[in-house]
Amino acid sequence: MFELETLLALPMDYDGLRTDDASLRTTNVSDYKITCIDFIKDISNDYFAWVDYYKLPEEEDKNRRNGITSTIERTNEWIAKVAQSIKTVDIVMNDGIQKMAESTAGKPFQIGVFINGKSSYTLAKPGIIDVNVKAAGRKGRKTKLGFHFKNDRFRIESNCDAYLDETNLPDQEFELMDLHLKLHAENAKQRDVISFTVTVSEIENDVEIDRRGLTTIIHVV
């Protein structure tokens, strides 16, 4: 189950999903929003089906379903109210797909990503944004900053060329992780959108036992 759940949490070949290239065939933002809202609802059925397949204990089953349901609602609200262009609609939609995958796979160890004390759906001003990453392993295991895909430390999408500073990133293991990353968004302006995923690995005796990604979206204000 670990391999399947990790794949769901961290899509290895994922690089900006589109709905049948609809974004390339339309310039009407309102119509495209409707298309993507419907797509989020449709694709959620696949994630609910995976939860069915796992046959989890009642409480865990409920937590994962609630996570997917909440993501559908928040993602479609952001598509409707926050996104102002085809590009930002895509960013919000892709963020929602990442979050549904993460909810489907579950969160076996503690992990949190915070901006201005808030997680998952956040607000920030243009500039260098402080990203606080916290994590703790199970049964005395340690955690360390992982990789989203091969040599790519983070997944990030934006319409303002935002990026996470990868200089001097810690490579050690932590009993209680409490890191501060720098998200560069100096070129951002109001109503821009940034989505990124931070991955954390759970380590025991220098071996990765598990890993999970946690996705955050920022509305620049």
Protein backbone atom coordinates (compact mmCIF):
# COMPACT_ATOMS: atom_id res chain seq x y z
CA MET A 1 0.00 0.00 0.00
CA PHE A 2 2.90 2.33 0.68
CA GLU A 3 3.93 2.48 -2.97
CA LEU A 4 0.40 3.16 -4.17
CA GLU A 5 -0.28 5.77 -1.52
CA THR A 6 3.01 7.51 -2.19
CA LEU A 7 2.21 7.62 -5.89
CA LEU A 8 -1.16 9.18 -5.13
CA ALA A 9 0.34 11.72 -2.78
CA LEU A 10 3.18 12.57 -5.13
CA PRO A 11 2.29 12.04 -8.80
CA MET A 12 5.65 11.22 -10.34
CA ASP A 13 4.83 12.29 -13.89
CA TYR A 14 2.49 15.10 -12.97
CA ASP A 15 3.25 18.41 -14.66
CA GLY A 16 0.17 20.57 -14.98
CA LEU A 17 -2.97 18.59 -15.79
CA ARG A 18 -5.35 20.00 -18.38
CA THR A 19 -8.90 19.06 -19.29
CA ASP A 20 -8.48 17.79 -22.84
CA ASP A 21 -6.33 20.82 -23.63
CA ALA A 22 -9.38 23.00 -23.05
CA SER A 23 -7.12 25.80 -21.85
CA LEU A 24 -5.53 25.90 -25.30
CA ARG A 25 -8.84 26.13 -27.11
CA THR A 26 -10.60 28.92 -25.26
CA THR A 27 -9.98 32.51 -24.25
CA ASN A 28 -13.22 32.87 -22.29
CA VAL A 29 -12.25 32.74 -18.63
CA SER A 30 -15.82 32.35 -17.38
CA ASP A 31 -16.47 29.35 -19.61
CA TYR A 32 -13.16 27.80 -18.67
CA LYS A 33 -13.94 28.21 -14.97
CA ILE A 34 -17.14 26.19 -15.47
CA THR A 35 -15.21 23.50 -17.33
CA CYS A 36 -12.62 23.20 -14.56
CA ILE A 37 -15.16 23.27 -11.72
CA ASP A 38 -16.96 20.37 -13.40
CA PHE A 39 -13.65 18.58 -13.93
CA ILE A 40 -12.71 18.83 -10.24
CA LYS A 41 -16.07 17.29 -9.31
CA ASP A 42 -15.66 14.52 -11.88
CA ILE A 43 -12.08 13.56 -11.03
CA SER A 44 -12.89 13.47 -7.31
CA ASN A 45 -14.85 10.29 -7.98
CA ASP A 46 -11.56 8.55 -8.84
CA TYR A 47 -10.09 9.53 -5.48
CA PHE A 48 -13.19 8.44 -3.58
CA ALA A 49 -12.92 5.11 -5.44
CA TRP A 50 -9.35 4.67 -4.17
CA VAL A 51 -10.54 5.26 -0.61
CA ASP A 52 -13.17 2.56 -1.19
CA TYR A 53 -10.42 0.24 -2.40
CA TYR A 54 -8.31 0.71 0.73
CA LYS A 55 -11.12 -0.54 3.06
CA LEU A 56 -9.78 1.56 5.90
CA PRO A 57 -10.87 1.71 9.54
CA GLU A 58 -13.97 3.88 9.91
CA GLU A 59 -12.26 6.96 11.35
CA GLU A 60 -9.43 7.00 8.80
CA ASP A 61 -11.89 6.41 5.97
CA LYS A 62 -13.92 9.38 7.18
CA ASN A 63 -10.86 11.62 7.47
CA ARG A 64 -9.74 10.92 3.93
CA ARG A 65 -13.21 11.42 2.46
CA ASN A 66 -13.63 14.67 4.39
CA GLY A 67 -10.28 15.87 3.05
CA ILE A 68 -11.33 15.20 -0.54
CA THR A 69 -14.74 16.81 -0.04
CA SER A 70 -13.22 19.90 1.56
CA THR A 71 -10.74 20.21 -1.30
CA ILE A 72 -13.52 20.07 -3.90
CA GLU A 73 -15.36 22.90 -2.15
CA ARG A 74 -12.34 25.14 -1.54
CA THR A 75 -10.78 24.57 -4.95
CA ASN A 76 -13.97 25.39 -6.81
CA GLU A 77 -14.51 28.44 -4.63
CA TRP A 78 -11.01 29.68 -5.54
CA ILE A 79 -11.59 28.93 -9.22
CA ALA A 80 -14.81 30.95 -9.11
CA LYS A 81 -13.69 33.86 -6.94
CA VAL A 82 -9.88 34.15 -6.97
CA ALA A 83 -8.62 33.09 -10.39
CA GLN A 84 -8.71 35.89 -12.97
CA SER A 85 -7.13 34.25 -16.04
CA ILE A 86 -6.81 30.94 -17.85
CA LYS A 87 -3.37 30.49 -16.28
CA THR A 88 -4.53 31.08 -12.72
CA VAL A 89 -7.56 28.83 -13.19
CA ASP A 90 -5.14 26.07 -14.22
CA ILE A 91 -2.96 26.70 -11.18
CA VAL A 92 -5.90 26.49 -8.79
CA MET A 93 -7.26 23.38 -10.50
CA ASN A 94 -3.89 21.61 -10.39
CA ASP A 95 -3.50 22.58 -6.74
CA GLY A 96 -6.84 20.95 -6.00
CA ILE A 97 -5.84 17.74 -7.78
CA GLN A 98 -2.65 17.59 -5.72
CA LYS A 99 -4.59 18.13 -2.50
CA MET A 100 -7.16 15.43 -3.35
CA ALA A 101 -4.32 12.99 -4.01
CA GLU A 102 -2.74 13.87 -0.67
CA SER A 103 -6.03 13.40 1.18
CA THR A 104 -6.56 10.06 -0.57
CA ALA A 105 -3.13 8.79 0.47
CA GLY A 106 -3.57 9.97 4.07
CA LYS A 107 -1.10 11.58 6.45
CA PRO A 108 0.64 8.82 8.43
CA PHE A 109 2.96 11.21 10.27
CA GLN A 110 2.66 14.81 11.37
CA ILE A 111 3.43 17.43 8.73
CA GLY A 112 2.38 21.05 8.37
CA VAL A 113 3.24 23.95 6.06
CA PHE A 114 2.32 27.42 7.25
CA ILE A 115 2.35 30.94 5.83
CA ASN A 116 1.43 33.71 8.24
CA GLY A 117 0.16 30.99 10.57
CA LYS A 118 -2.27 29.55 8.02
CA SER A 119 -2.08 26.35 5.98
CA SER A 120 -3.39 24.95 2.68
CA TYR A 121 -5.19 28.12 1.48
CA THR A 122 -3.35 31.30 2.38
CA LEU A 123 -2.84 35.00 1.67
CA ALA A 124 0.45 36.86 1.33
CA LYS A 125 1.86 40.10 0.00
CA PRO A 126 4.43 40.30 -2.82
CA GLY A 127 8.04 39.86 -1.75
CA ILE A 128 9.98 37.11 0.00
CA ILE A 129 7.40 34.95 1.76
CA ASP A 130 8.32 32.94 4.86
CA VAL A 131 7.25 29.28 4.60
CA ASN A 132 7.33 27.38 7.89
CA VAL A 133 7.58 23.58 7.54
CA LYS A 134 6.97 21.42 10.61
CA ALA A 135 7.05 17.64 10.87
CA ALA A 136 7.46 14.81 13.35
CA GLY A 137 7.90 11.12 12.67
CA ARG A 138 6.17 8.18 14.31
CA LYS A 139 7.63 5.92 17.00
CA GLY A 140 10.78 7.97 17.45
CA ARG A 141 11.56 8.17 13.74
CA LYS A 142 13.11 11.32 12.32
CA THR A 143 12.11 13.43 9.33
CA LYS A 144 14.01 15.28 6.64
CA LEU A 145 13.21 17.50 3.69
CA GLY A 146 12.52 15.28 0.69
CA PHE A 147 12.21 15.54 -3.09
CA HIS A 148 8.99 15.86 -5.02
CA PHE A 149 10.39 14.13 -8.09
CA LYS A 150 13.93 12.82 -8.69
CA ASN A 151 16.10 15.94 -8.54
CA ASP A 152 13.20 18.37 -8.19
CA ARG A 153 12.97 19.40 -4.56
CA PHE A 154 9.64 21.22 -4.85
CA ARG A 155 6.61 21.39 -7.11
CA ILE A 156 5.65 24.98 -7.82
CA GLU A 157 3.27 26.73 -10.21
CA SER A 158 2.59 30.45 -10.44
CA ASN A 159 1.78 33.21 -12.88
CA CYS A 160 4.51 35.45 -11.45
CA ASP A 161 7.72 33.38 -11.73
CA ALA A 162 7.74 32.58 -8.01
CA TYR A 163 10.34 30.10 -6.76
CA LEU A 164 11.52 28.50 -3.53
CA ASP A 165 15.11 29.28 -2.58
CA GLU A 166 17.10 26.04 -2.63
CA THR A 167 20.43 27.44 -1.44
CA ASN A 168 21.70 26.10 1.90
CA LEU A 169 18.75 23.79 2.44
CA PRO A 170 19.28 21.48 5.44
CA ASP A 171 20.08 17.87 4.60
CA GLN A 172 20.05 16.51 8.12
CA GLU A 173 17.35 14.53 9.89
CA PHE A 174 15.21 16.15 12.59
CA GLU A 175 13.51 14.77 15.66
CA LEU A 176 11.15 17.75 15.40
CA MET A 177 11.39 19.57 12.09
CA ASP A 178 10.79 23.33 12.19
CA LEU A 179 12.21 24.86 9.02
CA HIS A 180 11.80 28.25 7.41
CA LEU A 181 11.99 28.35 3.61
CA LYS A 182 12.09 31.46 1.43
CA LEU A 183 9.49 31.74 -1.30
CA HIS A 184 10.55 34.45 -3.74
CA ALA A 185 7.53 36.32 -5.08
CA GLU A 186 9.01 39.75 -5.65
CA ASN A 187 7.43 39.91 -9.12
CA ALA A 188 3.95 39.08 -7.85
CA LYS A 189 1.08 41.51 -7.93
CA GLN A 190 -2.39 41.50 -6.42
CA ARG A 191 -4.64 38.62 -7.52
CA ASP A 192 -1.67 36.46 -8.59
CA VAL A 193 -1.70 32.83 -7.47
CA ILE A 194 1.12 30.54 -6.30
CA SER A 195 0.80 26.81 -5.60
CA PHE A 196 3.65 24.69 -4.25
CA THR A 197 4.26 21.29 -2.69
CA VAL A 198 6.80 20.55 0.04
CA THR A 199 7.80 16.90 0.52
CA VAL A 200 8.93 15.39 3.81
CA SER A 201 10.47 11.95 4.30
CA GLU A 202 10.15 9.83 7.44
CA ILE A 203 13.47 8.16 8.23
CA GLU A 204 14.52 5.20 10.38
CA ASN A 205 18.14 4.01 10.52
CA ASP A 206 18.99 6.10 7.44
CA VAL A 207 16.20 4.43 5.43
CA GLU A 208 13.12 6.25 4.09
CA ILE A 209 10.08 4.56 5.63
CA ASP A 210 7.45 6.89 4.23
CA ARG A 211 7.09 10.26 2.60
CA ARG A 212 4.32 12.73 1.96
CA GLY A 213 3.88 15.98 0.10
CA LEU A 214 1.78 18.85 1.38
CA THR A 215 0.41 21.41 -1.06
CA THR A 216 -0.25 25.08 -0.31
CA ILE A 217 -1.85 27.77 -2.44
CA ILE A 218 -1.34 31.51 -1.99
CA HIS A 219 -3.59 34.35 -3.10
CA VAL A 220 -1.36 37.41 -3.44
CA VAL A 221 -3.01 40.47 -1.90
